[in-house]
């Protein structure tokens, strides 16, 4: 990559945000997600499914109020719920649906 397109000059520059502060893999997020799963007993609050009896279910910790709109609630336990992938995909905020719908920038 050319030096002319690094940091502030790169088209996708986002103000020097560090990866660990915006990544969903950061320790604060991991702790929040674990607490949401524990509170909900590792059970989807949408349909009641959970792993067991030879059945494996992938669960997601979903933000009830969107990550992009409510940064102050990102790690609030009351703004989280455990959903299986099917229930999570059915929400209006799954993935980047809301970002694309509202024209928001990912990570904000």
Protein backbone atom coordinates (compact mmCIF):
# COMPACT_ATOMS: atom_id res chain seq x y z
CA UNK A 1 0.00 0.00 0.00
CA UNK A 2 1.25 3.44 -0.87
CA UNK A 3 2.28 5.70 2.00
CA UNK A 4 -0.04 8.31 0.47
CA UNK A 5 -3.05 6.17 1.43
CA UNK A 6 -2.21 5.27 5.01
CA UNK A 7 -3.85 6.44 8.23
CA UNK A 8 -5.69 9.74 7.80
CA UNK A 9 -5.27 9.64 4.02
CA UNK A 10 -6.92 6.23 3.60
CA UNK A 11 -10.51 6.39 2.31
CA UNK A 12 -11.76 4.26 5.22
CA UNK A 13 -9.93 6.07 8.04
CA UNK A 14 -12.03 6.08 11.21
CA UNK A 15 -10.16 8.39 13.49
CA UNK A 16 -7.46 6.09 14.86
CA UNK A 17 -9.82 3.65 16.58
CA UNK A 18 -7.91 0.71 17.98
CA UNK A 19 -9.12 -2.73 16.94
CA UNK A 20 -9.61 -3.98 20.50
CA UNK A 21 -11.96 -1.09 21.34
CA UNK A 22 -14.27 -1.63 18.36
CA UNK A 23 -13.97 -5.38 17.92
CA UNK A 24 -16.60 -7.74 19.21
CA UNK A 25 -13.73 -9.90 20.43
CA UNK A 26 -12.57 -7.40 23.03
CA UNK A 27 -12.59 -8.56 26.67
CA UNK A 28 -15.42 -6.23 27.74
CA UNK A 29 -17.69 -7.57 24.98
CA UNK A 30 -16.76 -11.19 25.73
CA UNK A 31 -17.61 -10.67 29.41
CA UNK A 32 -20.96 -9.01 28.50
CA UNK A 33 -21.84 -11.85 26.11
CA UNK A 34 -21.01 -14.50 28.71
CA UNK A 35 -23.17 -12.77 31.34
CA UNK A 36 -26.09 -12.55 28.88
CA UNK A 37 -25.80 -16.29 28.12
CA UNK A 38 -25.56 -17.19 31.82
CA UNK A 39 -28.53 -15.01 32.76
CA UNK A 40 -30.65 -16.65 30.03
CA UNK A 41 -29.40 -20.14 31.02
CA UNK A 42 -27.87 -20.64 27.57
CA UNK A 43 -31.39 -20.79 26.12
CA UNK A 44 -32.82 -18.83 23.19
CA UNK A 45 -35.35 -16.38 24.61
CA UNK A 46 -37.13 -16.36 21.24
CA UNK A 47 -37.99 -20.03 20.81
CA UNK A 48 -36.62 -21.77 23.92
CA UNK A 49 -34.10 -23.98 22.11
CA UNK A 50 -30.81 -24.93 23.78
CA UNK A 51 -28.02 -27.41 23.23
CA UNK A 52 -28.36 -30.85 24.73
CA UNK A 53 -29.50 -34.42 24.08
CA UNK A 54 -27.17 -34.71 21.11
CA UNK A 55 -28.42 -31.45 19.61
CA UNK A 56 -26.05 -28.53 19.10
CA UNK A 57 -27.43 -24.99 18.91
CA UNK A 58 -25.40 -21.88 18.11
CA UNK A 59 -26.44 -18.97 20.29
CA UNK A 60 -25.85 -15.25 19.76
CA UNK A 61 -25.93 -12.43 22.30
CA UNK A 62 -28.20 -9.86 20.65
CA UNK A 63 -28.38 -6.16 21.49
CA UNK A 64 -32.05 -5.22 21.95
CA UNK A 65 -31.33 -1.56 21.25
CA UNK A 66 -28.89 -1.41 18.32
CA UNK A 67 -25.14 -1.19 18.89
CA UNK A 68 -24.85 1.68 16.39
CA UNK A 69 -27.63 3.82 17.89
CA UNK A 70 -26.99 3.30 21.59
CA UNK A 71 -23.25 3.20 22.33
CA UNK A 72 -23.96 3.87 26.01
CA UNK A 73 -25.94 0.58 26.19
CA UNK A 74 -23.46 -1.64 24.36
CA UNK A 75 -22.37 -3.44 27.51
CA UNK A 76 -25.54 -3.00 29.58
CA UNK A 77 -26.77 -6.45 30.59
CA UNK A 78 -30.39 -5.30 30.31
CA UNK A 79 -29.80 -4.50 26.63
CA UNK A 80 -28.84 -8.08 25.80
CA UNK A 81 -30.72 -11.28 25.07
CA UNK A 82 -29.74 -14.78 24.00
CA UNK A 83 -31.05 -15.82 20.59
CA UNK A 84 -30.45 -18.83 18.36
CA UNK A 85 -29.29 -17.99 14.84
CA UNK A 86 -32.77 -18.39 13.32
CA UNK A 87 -34.38 -16.06 15.87
CA UNK A 88 -31.49 -13.60 15.57
CA UNK A 89 -31.76 -13.50 11.76
CA UNK A 90 -35.46 -12.68 12.13
CA UNK A 91 -34.69 -9.44 14.01
CA UNK A 92 -34.54 -6.09 12.23
CA UNK A 93 -31.05 -5.49 13.58
CA UNK A 94 -29.31 -8.75 12.59
CA UNK A 95 -25.91 -8.27 10.99
CA UNK A 96 -25.73 -5.08 8.98
CA UNK A 97 -29.44 -4.85 8.07
CA UNK A 98 -29.92 -1.76 10.19
CA UNK A 99 -26.64 -0.21 9.08
CA UNK A 100 -27.60 -0.54 5.42
CA UNK A 101 -31.22 0.43 6.02
CA UNK A 102 -30.37 3.61 7.93
CA UNK A 103 -27.16 4.44 6.06
CA UNK A 104 -25.09 4.24 9.23
CA UNK A 105 -21.39 3.55 9.27
CA UNK A 106 -20.31 0.22 10.79
CA UNK A 107 -18.54 0.66 14.10
CA UNK A 108 -20.35 3.83 15.14
